[in-house]
Amino acid sequence: MSAPLVFFDIAGPDNQVLNEFYSTIFEWKIGQDGSFSTTVASSTVSPTTLMGTIRKDPSEKVFYIGVKDIASKLAEVVEKGGSIDQPRFEVPGVVVLGLFKDPAGNRVGLVEMENGKAKTP
């Protein structure tokens, strides 16, 4: 099975402006903490949801791909011409993450998966 998209985030200097923008334009129901979910269109799977968040940080978009082992996947990224942006780290009680840059410089996140779900440390 290919690695699934697990999560995405949108960042900007004023997250409240972004919350208002995206909730108005796309009718996303965004929580006070910036979290929301949206449906994913697929020709092979019934509508499913993808979790996202809007956060206050420099402007960027990041999508997160689920993998079994972040450390080994980051080693593969480097071997194929990418670079490690943030090595594997744990957000206690939430998720295990890592970040890399592809050969073009795009930042991409990794989520460590266990039994088909994001691993919670």
Protein backbone atom coordinates (compact mmCIF):
# COMPACT_ATOMS: atom_id res chain seq x y z
CA MET A 1 0.00 0.00 0.00
CA SER A 2 1.28 3.46 -0.83
CA ALA A 3 1.92 6.02 1.91
CA PRO A 4 -1.29 7.95 2.73
CA LEU A 5 -1.71 11.68 3.11
CA VAL A 6 -2.46 12.08 6.80
CA PHE A 7 -2.65 15.78 7.55
CA PHE A 8 -2.00 19.25 6.14
CA ASP A 9 -1.52 22.71 7.55
CA ILE A 10 -1.65 26.26 6.29
CA ALA A 11 0.39 28.92 8.07
CA GLY A 12 0.45 32.70 8.02
CA PRO A 13 1.32 35.64 10.24
CA ASP A 14 -2.35 36.15 11.27
CA ASN A 15 -4.06 32.82 11.76
CA GLN A 16 -7.40 34.48 12.61
CA VAL A 17 -7.47 36.15 9.18
CA LEU A 18 -6.74 32.77 7.58
CA ASN A 19 -9.42 31.06 9.70
CA GLU A 20 -11.99 33.60 8.50
CA PHE A 21 -10.81 33.41 4.88
CA TYR A 22 -10.91 29.61 4.58
CA SER A 23 -14.11 29.17 6.60
CA THR A 24 -15.89 31.74 4.43
CA ILE A 25 -14.54 30.67 1.04
CA PHE A 26 -14.70 26.88 1.50
CA GLU A 27 -17.21 26.58 4.38
CA TRP A 28 -14.66 24.74 6.53
CA LYS A 29 -15.74 24.59 10.17
CA ILE A 30 -12.50 25.68 11.86
CA GLY A 31 -12.14 25.32 15.63
CA GLN A 32 -10.67 27.94 17.96
CA ASP A 33 -7.37 26.02 17.87
CA GLY A 34 -7.29 26.15 14.05
CA SER A 35 -8.14 22.48 13.55
CA PHE A 36 -10.66 21.21 11.01
CA SER A 37 -11.32 18.34 8.63
CA THR A 38 -12.47 18.30 5.03
CA THR A 39 -13.59 15.60 2.65
CA VAL A 40 -11.29 14.09 0.06
CA ALA A 41 -12.59 13.37 -3.42
CA SER A 42 -11.66 9.95 -4.75
CA SER A 43 -12.89 7.78 -7.60
CA THR A 44 -12.00 4.61 -5.68
CA VAL A 45 -12.96 5.34 -2.07
CA SER A 46 -16.15 6.68 -0.52
CA PRO A 47 -15.75 10.25 0.70
CA THR A 48 -13.27 10.25 3.51
CA THR A 49 -11.83 13.06 5.59
CA LEU A 50 -8.44 14.70 5.83
CA MET A 51 -7.50 16.58 8.96
CA GLY A 52 -5.91 20.01 8.75
CA THR A 53 -4.98 23.02 10.81
CA ILE A 54 -4.36 26.70 10.36
CA ARG A 55 -1.46 28.01 12.41
CA LYS A 56 0.33 31.26 13.13
CA ASP A 57 3.81 31.07 11.58
CA PRO A 58 5.57 32.35 8.47
CA SER A 59 3.46 31.68 5.36
CA GLU A 60 3.68 28.13 4.01
CA LYS A 61 1.69 24.98 3.30
CA VAL A 62 2.82 21.56 4.46
CA PHE A 63 1.26 18.17 3.82
CA TYR A 64 2.13 15.16 5.95
CA ILE A 65 2.62 11.64 4.63
CA GLY A 66 2.15 8.57 6.81
CA VAL A 67 5.12 6.18 7.05
CA LYS A 68 6.02 3.23 9.27
CA ASP A 69 9.47 4.51 10.31
CA ILE A 70 10.37 8.20 10.03
CA ALA A 71 14.09 7.73 10.68
CA SER A 72 14.52 5.20 7.86
CA LYS A 73 12.33 7.23 5.49
CA LEU A 74 14.43 10.36 6.17
CA ALA A 75 17.57 8.37 5.35
CA GLU A 76 15.95 7.38 2.05
CA VAL A 77 15.03 11.03 1.37
CA VAL A 78 18.69 12.06 1.77
CA GLU A 79 19.87 9.16 -0.39
CA LYS A 80 17.54 10.30 -3.20
CA GLY A 81 18.58 13.97 -3.15
CA GLY A 82 16.40 15.55 -0.46
CA SER A 83 17.45 16.94 2.89
CA ILE A 84 16.29 16.63 6.49
CA ASP A 85 14.55 19.77 7.71
CA GLN A 86 13.56 18.41 11.15
CA PRO A 87 14.61 14.94 12.33
CA ARG A 88 12.11 12.61 13.96
CA PHE A 89 10.53 14.16 17.06
CA GLU A 90 7.64 13.38 19.35
CA VAL A 91 4.79 15.65 20.36
CA PRO A 92 3.82 13.87 23.62
CA GLY A 93 0.26 12.60 23.59
CA VAL A 94 -0.29 13.78 20.02
CA VAL A 95 1.93 12.46 17.21
CA VAL A 96 5.45 11.56 15.99
CA LEU A 97 6.70 13.81 13.18
CA GLY A 98 9.65 14.58 10.95
CA LEU A 99 10.15 17.11 8.14
CA PHE A 100 12.23 17.06 4.99
CA LYS A 101 12.83 19.15 1.89
CA ASP A 102 12.53 17.53 -1.51
CA PRO A 103 15.13 18.21 -4.23
CA ALA A 104 13.19 21.36 -5.26
CA GLY A 105 13.19 22.71 -1.69
CA ASN A 106 9.54 21.95 -0.87
CA ARG A 107 9.00 21.21 2.82
CA VAL A 108 7.07 17.99 3.47
CA GLY A 109 6.08 16.37 6.76
CA LEU A 110 6.10 12.75 7.82
CA VAL A 111 3.77 11.17 10.39
CA GLU A 112 4.80 7.88 11.97
CA MET A 113 2.00 5.33 11.55
CA GLU A 114 1.16 2.25 13.59
CA ASN A 115 -1.67 -0.13 12.67
CA GLY A 116 -3.06 2.35 10.13
CA LYS A 117 -3.21 5.29 12.56
CA ALA A 118 -0.89 8.11 13.54
CA LYS A 119 1.37 6.89 16.34
CA THR A 120 0.79 8.64 19.67
CA PRO A 121 3.88 8.73 21.91
